[in-house]
Amino acid sequence: MMRRSNFGDSPFDFERMFERMNRQFEEMNRQFARFADSRPAHALESGDALPSMWSQGGVQVDVAEREDSVIVTADLPGFEKAEIDLSVANDALTIRAEHDVDDAYESEHYVRRERRHHSVSRTIPLPVDVREEAASASYTNGVLTVTLPVVETDDEDDESHHIDVE
């Protein structure tokens, strides 16, 4: 019977090969995360921008720049509308959501209770200046859609503006 250590230098050492593959995948994930953080929306000739998909902090986000607005679509499954907080400040949209879950299971011999706190937060840099006071948001079936009208004049307001979710 041969031992595993006898295969250490073999090109067919699958354990070492999988370890190397895992390290390479982890490095790729780190590089993609850095790329997603710094990626701007790419403009098309028509004036619209390609939606860019970012996933970080537990929130997947699409950002689409239109001629008259920026539309941000975020996946927030499992949250209620009242648990979502949105704000716009310094050319960035911040999405926060959190809730507590208290599950209890009782059987004849024991009681199991699980308490969890789930929160996500994401700040998305906006590709253009927006009119913060005219922003609107809706939340349906776990999908948040935020519409931010683009600034047509030089209206600048450095204060944060809260957006109500409908």
N, C-alpha and C. Protein backbone atom coordinates (compact mmCIF):
# COMPACT_ATOMS: atom_id res chain seq x y z
N MET A 1 0.85 -1.17 0.00
CA MET A 1 0.00 0.00 0.00
C MET A 1 0.89 1.23 0.00
N MET A 2 0.60 2.20 -0.85
CA MET A 2 1.40 3.41 -0.94
C MET A 2 0.81 4.49 -0.06
N ARG A 3 1.68 5.29 0.48
CA ARG A 3 1.25 6.40 1.31
C ARG A 3 1.12 7.66 0.47
N ARG A 4 0.31 8.58 0.95
CA ARG A 4 0.12 9.85 0.24
C ARG A 4 1.42 10.61 0.08
N SER A 5 2.27 10.58 1.08
CA SER A 5 3.51 11.34 1.04
C SER A 5 4.40 10.88 -0.12
N ASN A 6 4.21 9.65 -0.59
CA ASN A 6 4.99 9.16 -1.73
C ASN A 6 4.64 9.91 -3.01
N PHE A 7 3.47 10.57 -3.04
CA PHE A 7 3.04 11.27 -4.24
C PHE A 7 3.35 12.77 -4.17
N GLY A 8 4.08 13.22 -3.17
CA GLY A 8 4.32 14.64 -2.96
C GLY A 8 4.92 15.34 -4.15
N ASP A 9 5.80 14.71 -4.90
CA ASP A 9 6.45 15.35 -6.04
C ASP A 9 5.79 14.97 -7.36
N SER A 10 4.78 14.20 -7.30
CA SER A 10 4.12 13.74 -8.51
C SER A 10 3.28 14.86 -9.13
N PRO A 11 3.23 14.93 -10.47
CA PRO A 11 2.36 15.93 -11.10
C PRO A 11 0.89 15.63 -10.86
N PHE A 12 0.60 14.44 -10.32
CA PHE A 12 -0.78 14.06 -10.07
C PHE A 12 -1.14 14.20 -8.59
N ASP A 13 -0.47 15.07 -7.87
CA ASP A 13 -0.75 15.32 -6.46
C ASP A 13 -1.97 16.25 -6.41
N PHE A 14 -3.14 15.65 -6.37
CA PHE A 14 -4.39 16.40 -6.49
C PHE A 14 -4.62 17.33 -5.31
N GLU A 15 -4.21 16.92 -4.13
CA GLU A 15 -4.42 17.76 -2.95
C GLU A 15 -3.69 19.09 -3.10
N ARG A 16 -2.44 19.05 -3.51
CA ARG A 16 -1.67 20.29 -3.71
C ARG A 16 -2.24 21.10 -4.88
N MET A 17 -2.68 20.40 -5.91
CA MET A 17 -3.25 21.10 -7.06
C MET A 17 -4.51 21.86 -6.65
N PHE A 18 -5.38 21.25 -5.85
CA PHE A 18 -6.60 21.93 -5.41
C PHE A 18 -6.29 23.08 -4.46
N GLU A 19 -5.27 22.93 -3.62
CA GLU A 19 -4.87 24.03 -2.76
C GLU A 19 -4.41 25.23 -3.58
N ARG A 20 -3.62 24.97 -4.62
CA ARG A 20 -3.18 26.06 -5.50
C ARG A 20 -4.36 26.70 -6.21
N MET A 21 -5.29 25.88 -6.68
CA MET A 21 -6.47 26.42 -7.36
C MET A 21 -7.29 27.29 -6.41
N ASN A 22 -7.48 26.84 -5.17
CA ASN A 22 -8.22 27.64 -4.19
C ASN A 22 -7.55 28.98 -3.94
N ARG A 23 -6.22 28.98 -3.80
CA ARG A 23 -5.50 30.25 -3.61
C ARG A 23 -5.68 31.17 -4.80
N GLN A 24 -5.65 30.63 -6.00
CA GLN A 24 -5.83 31.45 -7.20
C GLN A 24 -7.25 32.02 -7.27
N PHE A 25 -8.25 31.23 -6.92
CA PHE A 25 -9.63 31.75 -6.91
C PHE A 25 -9.80 32.84 -5.86
N GLU A 26 -9.20 32.66 -4.69
CA GLU A 26 -9.28 33.70 -3.66
C GLU A 26 -8.63 34.99 -4.14
N GLU A 27 -7.49 34.89 -4.80
CA GLU A 27 -6.83 36.08 -5.32
C GLU A 27 -7.68 36.75 -6.41
N MET A 28 -8.30 35.95 -7.27
CA MET A 28 -9.19 36.53 -8.29
C MET A 28 -10.36 37.26 -7.64
N ASN A 29 -10.95 36.68 -6.61
CA ASN A 29 -12.07 37.33 -5.91
C ASN A 29 -11.64 38.65 -5.31
N ARG A 30 -10.44 38.70 -4.72
CA ARG A 30 -9.94 39.97 -4.17
C ARG A 30 -9.75 41.00 -5.27
N GLN A 31 -9.22 40.59 -6.40
CA GLN A 31 -9.00 41.53 -7.50
C GLN A 31 -10.33 42.02 -8.07
N PHE A 32 -11.30 41.14 -8.21
CA PHE A 32 -12.61 41.56 -8.72
C PHE A 32 -13.28 42.51 -7.75
N ALA A 33 -13.14 42.30 -6.44
CA ALA A 33 -13.73 43.20 -5.45
C ALA A 33 -13.12 44.59 -5.56
N ARG A 34 -11.79 44.66 -5.73
CA ARG A 34 -11.14 45.97 -5.90
C ARG A 34 -11.62 46.63 -7.18
N PHE A 35 -11.77 45.86 -8.26
CA PHE A 35 -12.24 46.39 -9.53
C PHE A 35 -13.65 46.93 -9.41
N ALA A 36 -14.53 46.21 -8.73
CA ALA A 36 -15.92 46.65 -8.60
C ALA A 36 -16.02 47.93 -7.80
N ASP A 37 -15.16 48.11 -6.80
CA ASP A 37 -15.20 49.32 -5.99
C ASP A 37 -14.84 50.56 -6.78
N SER A 38 -13.97 50.43 -7.76
CA SER A 38 -13.48 51.60 -8.48
C SER A 38 -14.07 51.76 -9.87
N ARG A 39 -15.00 50.91 -10.25
CA ARG A 39 -15.51 50.89 -11.61
C ARG A 39 -16.55 51.97 -11.84
N PRO A 40 -16.32 52.88 -12.80
CA PRO A 40 -17.34 53.87 -13.16
C PRO A 40 -18.32 53.28 -14.16
N ALA A 41 -19.46 53.93 -14.31
CA ALA A 41 -20.38 53.52 -15.36
C ALA A 41 -19.77 53.92 -16.69
N HIS A 42 -19.87 53.05 -17.70
CA HIS A 42 -19.28 53.33 -19.00
C HIS A 42 -20.34 53.89 -19.93
N ALA A 43 -20.07 55.05 -20.50
CA ALA A 43 -21.06 55.73 -21.34
C ALA A 43 -21.14 55.09 -22.72
N LEU A 44 -22.33 55.00 -23.22
CA LEU A 44 -22.57 54.56 -24.59
C LEU A 44 -22.69 55.78 -25.49
N GLU A 45 -22.62 55.59 -26.79
CA GLU A 45 -22.76 56.71 -27.72
C GLU A 45 -24.13 57.35 -27.64
N SER A 46 -25.14 56.60 -27.25
CA SER A 46 -26.49 57.13 -27.18
C SER A 46 -26.70 58.06 -26.00
N GLY A 47 -25.74 58.14 -25.11
CA GLY A 47 -25.89 58.99 -23.93
C GLY A 47 -26.29 58.20 -22.70
N ASP A 48 -26.86 57.00 -22.87
CA ASP A 48 -27.15 56.16 -21.72
C ASP A 48 -25.86 55.49 -21.28
N ALA A 49 -25.86 54.94 -20.12
CA ALA A 49 -24.67 54.23 -19.64
C ALA A 49 -25.01 52.78 -19.43
N LEU A 50 -24.03 51.95 -19.60
CA LEU A 50 -24.24 50.53 -19.32
C LEU A 50 -24.48 50.35 -17.84
N PRO A 51 -25.46 49.56 -17.45
CA PRO A 51 -25.62 49.30 -16.03
C PRO A 51 -24.40 48.56 -15.52
N SER A 52 -23.93 48.94 -14.37
CA SER A 52 -22.79 48.23 -13.79
C SER A 52 -23.27 47.45 -12.58
N MET A 53 -22.83 46.22 -12.44
CA MET A 53 -23.26 45.34 -11.36
C MET A 53 -22.16 45.25 -10.33
N TRP A 54 -22.47 45.62 -9.11
CA TRP A 54 -21.51 45.55 -8.02
C TRP A 54 -22.11 44.67 -6.94
N SER A 55 -21.28 43.90 -6.31
CA SER A 55 -21.72 43.10 -5.17
C SER A 55 -20.70 43.23 -4.06
N GLN A 56 -21.11 43.86 -2.99
CA GLN A 56 -20.21 44.05 -1.86
C GLN A 56 -21.07 44.31 -0.64
N GLY A 57 -20.61 43.91 0.48
CA GLY A 57 -21.33 44.18 1.72
C GLY A 57 -22.68 43.52 1.78
N GLY A 58 -22.89 42.44 1.03
CA GLY A 58 -24.15 41.75 1.07
C GLY A 58 -25.25 42.36 0.24
N VAL A 59 -24.96 43.41 -0.52
CA VAL A 59 -25.97 44.07 -1.34
C VAL A 59 -25.51 44.06 -2.79
N GLN A 60 -26.28 43.42 -3.66
CA GLN A 60 -26.00 43.48 -5.09
C GLN A 60 -26.70 44.69 -5.66
N VAL A 61 -25.97 45.46 -6.48
CA VAL A 61 -26.47 46.74 -6.96
C VAL A 61 -26.25 46.87 -8.45
N ASP A 62 -27.27 47.36 -9.16
CA ASP A 62 -27.16 47.80 -10.55
C ASP A 62 -27.24 49.31 -10.54
N VAL A 63 -26.33 49.97 -11.26
CA VAL A 63 -26.38 51.43 -11.41
C VAL A 63 -26.49 51.72 -12.89
N ALA A 64 -27.57 52.42 -13.28
CA ALA A 64 -27.78 52.76 -14.69
C ALA A 64 -27.93 54.27 -14.80
N GLU A 65 -27.10 54.87 -15.66
CA GLU A 65 -27.18 56.30 -15.88
C GLU A 65 -28.00 56.55 -17.14
N ARG A 66 -29.09 57.28 -16.99
CA ARG A 66 -29.92 57.66 -18.12
C ARG A 66 -29.67 59.13 -18.42
N GLU A 67 -30.30 59.63 -19.44
CA GLU A 67 -30.10 61.03 -19.82
C GLU A 67 -30.57 61.99 -18.73
N ASP A 68 -31.69 61.65 -18.06
CA ASP A 68 -32.24 62.57 -17.08
C ASP A 68 -32.19 62.05 -15.64
N SER A 69 -31.67 60.83 -15.41
CA SER A 69 -31.64 60.29 -14.05
C SER A 69 -30.62 59.17 -13.91
N VAL A 70 -30.32 58.86 -12.67
CA VAL A 70 -29.52 57.69 -12.33
C VAL A 70 -30.47 56.75 -11.59
N ILE A 71 -30.50 55.49 -12.02
CA ILE A 71 -31.38 54.51 -11.40
C ILE A 71 -30.51 53.44 -10.74
N VAL A 72 -30.72 53.28 -9.43
CA VAL A 72 -29.98 52.29 -8.66
C VAL A 72 -30.97 51.21 -8.24
N THR A 73 -30.67 49.98 -8.58
CA THR A 73 -31.52 48.85 -8.21
C THR A 73 -30.70 47.95 -7.29
N ALA A 74 -31.24 47.66 -6.11
CA ALA A 74 -30.52 46.86 -5.12
C ALA A 74 -31.38 45.69 -4.67
N ASP A 75 -30.76 44.53 -4.52
CA ASP A 75 -31.44 43.35 -4.02
C ASP A 75 -31.33 43.32 -2.50
N LEU A 76 -32.48 43.39 -1.83
CA LEU A 76 -32.53 43.35 -0.36
C LEU A 76 -33.58 42.34 0.09
N PRO A 77 -33.41 41.06 -0.26
CA PRO A 77 -34.43 40.08 0.12
C PRO A 77 -34.47 39.88 1.63
N GLY A 78 -35.69 39.68 2.13
CA GLY A 78 -35.86 39.38 3.55
C GLY A 78 -36.05 40.60 4.43
N PHE A 79 -35.94 41.79 3.89
CA PHE A 79 -36.13 43.01 4.67
C PHE A 79 -37.51 43.58 4.41
N GLU A 80 -38.02 44.28 5.41
CA GLU A 80 -39.27 45.02 5.26
C GLU A 80 -38.93 46.45 4.85
N LYS A 81 -39.88 47.13 4.25
CA LYS A 81 -39.68 48.50 3.80
C LYS A 81 -39.23 49.41 4.94
N ALA A 82 -39.80 49.24 6.12
CA ALA A 82 -39.47 50.09 7.26
C ALA A 82 -38.05 49.85 7.78
N GLU A 83 -37.42 48.74 7.40
CA GLU A 83 -36.07 48.42 7.87
C GLU A 83 -34.97 48.99 6.98
N ILE A 84 -35.37 49.67 5.91
CA ILE A 84 -34.42 50.20 4.93
C ILE A 84 -34.24 51.70 5.15
N ASP A 85 -32.98 52.14 5.15
CA ASP A 85 -32.66 53.55 5.31
C ASP A 85 -31.78 53.98 4.14
N LEU A 86 -32.18 55.05 3.46
CA LEU A 86 -31.44 55.57 2.32
C LEU A 86 -31.05 57.01 2.57
N SER A 87 -29.87 57.40 2.10
CA SER A 87 -29.48 58.80 2.15
C SER A 87 -28.51 59.09 1.01
N VAL A 88 -28.50 60.37 0.60
CA VAL A 88 -27.61 60.82 -0.46
C VAL A 88 -26.78 61.96 0.10
N ALA A 89 -25.46 61.86 -0.05
CA ALA A 89 -24.56 62.93 0.40
C ALA A 89 -23.23 62.76 -0.31
N ASN A 90 -22.59 63.89 -0.62
CA ASN A 90 -21.25 63.88 -1.21
C ASN A 90 -21.16 62.99 -2.45
N ASP A 91 -22.13 63.12 -3.36
CA ASP A 91 -22.14 62.37 -4.62
C ASP A 91 -22.14 60.85 -4.42
N ALA A 92 -22.82 60.39 -3.36
CA ALA A 92 -22.90 58.96 -3.10
C ALA A 92 -24.25 58.63 -2.47
N LEU A 93 -24.78 57.47 -2.82
CA LEU A 93 -26.02 56.95 -2.24
C LEU A 93 -25.64 55.88 -1.22
N THR A 94 -26.19 56.01 -0.01
CA THR A 94 -25.93 55.01 1.03
C THR A 94 -27.22 54.25 1.30
N ILE A 95 -27.11 52.93 1.24
CA ILE A 95 -28.24 52.03 1.51
C ILE A 95 -27.89 51.25 2.77
N ARG A 96 -28.79 51.29 3.75
CA ARG A 96 -28.62 50.51 4.98
C ARG A 96 -29.92 49.76 5.25
N ALA A 97 -29.79 48.52 5.69
CA ALA A 97 -30.97 47.74 6.07
C ALA A 97 -30.56 46.81 7.20
N GLU A 98 -31.45 46.68 8.18
CA GLU A 98 -31.16 45.75 9.27
C GLU A 98 -32.44 45.26 9.91
N HIS A 99 -32.38 44.04 10.40
CA HIS A 99 -33.50 43.48 11.15
C HIS A 99 -33.02 42.36 12.07
N ASP A 100 -33.86 42.06 13.04
CA ASP A 100 -33.58 41.00 13.99
C ASP A 100 -34.56 39.85 13.73
N VAL A 101 -34.06 38.64 13.86
CA VAL A 101 -34.88 37.44 13.67
C VAL A 101 -34.81 36.63 14.95
N ASP A 102 -35.97 36.21 15.45
CA ASP A 102 -36.03 35.39 16.65
C ASP A 102 -36.87 34.16 16.31
N ASP A 103 -36.20 33.04 16.09
CA ASP A 103 -36.88 31.79 15.75
C ASP A 103 -36.89 30.86 16.96
N ALA A 104 -38.01 30.24 17.19
CA ALA A 104 -38.11 29.28 18.29
C ALA A 104 -38.68 27.97 17.75
N TYR A 105 -38.10 26.86 18.22
CA TYR A 105 -38.58 25.54 17.85
C TYR A 105 -38.71 24.72 19.12
N GLU A 106 -39.88 24.19 19.34
CA GLU A 106 -40.10 23.40 20.54
C GLU A 106 -40.49 21.97 20.15
N SER A 107 -39.90 21.05 20.85
CA SER A 107 -40.29 19.65 20.67
C SER A 107 -40.57 19.08 22.05
N GLU A 108 -40.81 17.82 22.10
CA GLU A 108 -41.14 17.18 23.37
C GLU A 108 -39.97 17.21 24.36
N HIS A 109 -38.72 17.17 23.85
CA HIS A 109 -37.56 17.05 24.73
C HIS A 109 -36.73 18.32 24.88
N TYR A 110 -36.90 19.27 23.99
CA TYR A 110 -36.06 20.46 24.11
C TYR A 110 -36.69 21.65 23.38
N VAL A 111 -36.17 22.82 23.69
CA VAL A 111 -36.57 24.06 23.02
C VAL A 111 -35.31 24.65 22.39
N ARG A 112 -35.42 24.99 21.15
CA ARG A 112 -34.29 25.62 20.47
C ARG A 112 -34.73 27.03 20.07
N ARG A 113 -33.94 28.01 20.46
CA ARG A 113 -34.24 29.39 20.11
C ARG A 113 -33.02 29.98 19.44
N GLU A 114 -33.23 30.59 18.28
CA GLU A 114 -32.15 31.23 17.56
C GLU A 114 -32.47 32.71 17.40
N ARG A 115 -31.51 33.52 17.75
CA ARG A 115 -31.65 34.96 17.58
C ARG A 115 -30.54 35.41 16.65
N ARG A 116 -30.92 36.16 15.62
CA ARG A 116 -29.95 36.65 14.66
C ARG A 116 -30.21 38.12 14.38
N HIS A 117 -29.14 38.83 14.14
CA HIS A 117 -29.23 40.22 13.71
C HIS A 117 -28.60 40.28 12.33
N HIS A 118 -29.34 40.77 11.38
CA HIS A 118 -28.84 40.84 10.00
C HIS A 118 -28.83 42.30 9.57
N SER A 119 -27.67 42.77 9.13
CA SER A 119 -27.60 44.13 8.64
C SER A 119 -26.68 44.18 7.43
N VAL A 120 -27.02 45.03 6.50
CA VAL A 120 -26.21 45.27 5.31
C VAL A 120 -26.10 46.78 5.12
N SER A 121 -25.00 47.17 4.52
CA SER A 121 -24.79 48.59 4.25
C SER A 121 -23.94 48.70 3.01
N ARG A 122 -24.24 49.68 2.19
CA ARG A 122 -23.50 49.87 0.94
C ARG A 122 -23.55 51.33 0.57
N THR A 123 -22.41 51.90 0.22
CA THR A 123 -22.34 53.26 -0.29
C THR A 123 -21.90 53.17 -1.75
N ILE A 124 -22.72 53.75 -2.62
CA ILE A 124 -22.48 53.68 -4.06
C ILE A 124 -22.12 55.07 -4.57
N PRO A 125 -20.93 55.23 -5.13
CA PRO A 125 -20.59 56.53 -5.72
C PRO A 125 -21.46 56.78 -6.95
N LEU A 126 -21.97 57.98 -7.08
CA LEU A 126 -22.85 58.31 -8.20
C LEU A 126 -22.02 58.90 -9.34
N PRO A 127 -22.31 58.52 -10.59
CA PRO A 127 -21.49 58.95 -11.72
C PRO A 127 -21.68 60.42 -12.10
N VAL A 128 -22.79 61.04 -11.68
CA VAL A 128 -23.06 62.44 -12.01
C VAL A 128 -23.70 63.12 -10.80
N ASP A 129 -23.80 64.45 -10.85
CA ASP A 129 -24.50 65.19 -9.79
C ASP A 129 -25.99 64.96 -9.92
N VAL A 130 -26.66 64.76 -8.78
CA VAL A 130 -28.10 64.48 -8.78
C VAL A 130 -28.81 65.49 -7.90
N ARG A 131 -30.13 65.64 -8.16
CA ARG A 131 -30.97 66.50 -7.31
C ARG A 131 -31.47 65.63 -6.16
N GLU A 132 -30.82 65.77 -5.03
CA GLU A 132 -31.10 64.91 -3.87
C GLU A 132 -32.54 65.04 -3.39
N GLU A 133 -33.07 66.27 -3.38
CA GLU A 133 -34.41 66.50 -2.85
C GLU A 133 -35.50 65.90 -3.74
N ALA A 134 -35.18 65.60 -5.00
CA ALA A 134 -36.17 65.04 -5.92
C ALA A 134 -36.03 63.52 -6.05
N ALA A 135 -35.18 62.91 -5.26
CA ALA A 135 -34.97 61.47 -5.33
C ALA A 135 -36.21 60.72 -4.84
N SER A 136 -36.45 59.56 -5.42
CA SER A 136 -37.57 58.72 -4.99
C SER A 136 -37.11 57.27 -4.94
N ALA A 137 -37.84 56.47 -4.17
CA ALA A 137 -37.48 55.07 -4.03
C ALA A 137 -38.73 54.22 -3.87
N SER A 138 -38.65 52.98 -4.37
CA SER A 138 -39.74 52.02 -4.17
C SER A 138 -39.12 50.67 -3.82
N TYR A 139 -39.90 49.86 -3.10
CA TYR A 139 -39.42 48.56 -2.66
C TYR A 139 -40.52 47.54 -2.90
N THR A 140 -40.25 46.58 -3.78
CA THR A 140 -41.24 45.56 -4.13
C THR A 140 -40.55 44.21 -4.24
N ASN A 141 -41.08 43.22 -3.53
CA ASN A 141 -40.59 41.84 -3.60
C ASN A 141 -39.09 41.73 -3.40
N GLY A 142 -38.54 42.46 -2.44
CA GLY A 142 -37.12 42.36 -2.12
C GLY A 142 -36.19 43.16 -3.02
N VAL A 143 -36.76 43.95 -3.93
CA VAL A 143 -35.94 44.75 -4.85
C VAL A 143 -36.21 46.23 -4.59
N LEU A 144 -35.15 46.95 -4.26
CA LEU A 144 -35.22 48.38 -4.03
C LEU A 144 -34.80 49.10 -5.30
N THR A 145 -35.62 50.07 -5.73
CA THR A 145 -35.29 50.88 -6.90
C THR A 145 -35.26 52.34 -6.48
N VAL A 146 -34.11 52.98 -6.66
CA VAL A 146 -33.94 54.39 -6.31
C VAL A 146 -33.73 55.17 -7.59
N THR A 147 -34.53 56.21 -7.79
CA THR A 147 -34.40 57.07 -8.96
C THR A 147 -33.90 58.43 -8.49
N LEU A 148 -32.78 58.85 -9.05
CA LEU A 148 -32.13 60.10 -8.67
C LEU A 148 -32.05 60.99 -9.91
N PRO A 149 -32.89 62.05 -10.00
CA PRO A 149 -32.83 62.93 -11.16
C PRO A 149 -31.48 63.65 -11.25
N VAL A 150 -30.99 63.78 -12.46
CA VAL A 150 -29.71 64.44 -12.71
C VAL A 150 -29.87 65.95 -12.58
N VAL A 151 -28.85 66.61 -12.04
CA VAL A 151 -28.85 68.07 -11.89
C VAL A 151 -28.74 68.70 -13.26
N GLU A 152 -29.69 69.62 -13.55
CA GLU A 152 -29.65 70.32 -14.83
C GLU A 152 -28.92 71.64 -14.73
N THR A 153 -28.91 72.24 -13.53
CA THR A 153 -28.19 73.48 -13.30
C THR A 153 -27.13 73.24 -12.25
N ASP A 154 -26.48 74.29 -11.81
CA ASP A 154 -25.42 74.16 -10.82
C ASP A 154 -25.96 74.22 -9.40
N ASP A 155 -27.01 73.43 -9.09
CA ASP A 155 -27.54 73.36 -7.73
C ASP A 155 -26.63 72.46 -6.92
N GLU A 156 -25.94 73.05 -5.94
CA GLU A 156 -25.08 72.24 -5.09
C GLU A 156 -25.50 72.40 -3.64
N ASP A 157 -25.68 71.28 -2.97
CA ASP A 157 -26.06 71.26 -1.57
C ASP A 157 -25.21 70.20 -0.89
N ASP A 158 -24.36 70.60 0.03
CA ASP A 158 -23.42 69.68 0.65
C ASP A 158 -24.04 68.87 1.77
N GLU A 159 -25.29 69.13 2.14
CA GLU A 159 -25.90 68.39 3.23
C GLU A 159 -26.52 67.10 2.74
N SER A 160 -26.60 66.14 3.63
CA SER A 160 -27.22 64.86 3.32
C SER A 160 -28.73 65.03 3.20
N HIS A 161 -29.34 64.23 2.35
CA HIS A 161 -30.80 64.27 2.18
C HIS A 161 -31.34 62.86 2.34
N HIS A 162 -32.35 62.70 3.19
CA HIS A 162 -32.96 61.40 3.46
C HIS A 162 -34.01 61.12 2.39
N ILE A 163 -34.08 59.87 1.92
CA ILE A 163 -35.04 59.45 0.90
C ILE A 163 -36.03 58.51 1.54
N ASP A 164 -37.32 58.78 1.40
CA ASP A 164 -38.35 57.89 1.93
C ASP A 164 -38.60 56.75 0.95
N VAL A 165 -38.75 55.55 1.45
CA VAL A 165 -39.04 54.38 0.63
C VAL A 165 -40.54 54.19 0.58
N GLU A 166 -41.10 54.10 -0.62
CA GLU A 166 -42.55 53.94 -0.79
C GLU A 166 -42.91 52.48 -0.95
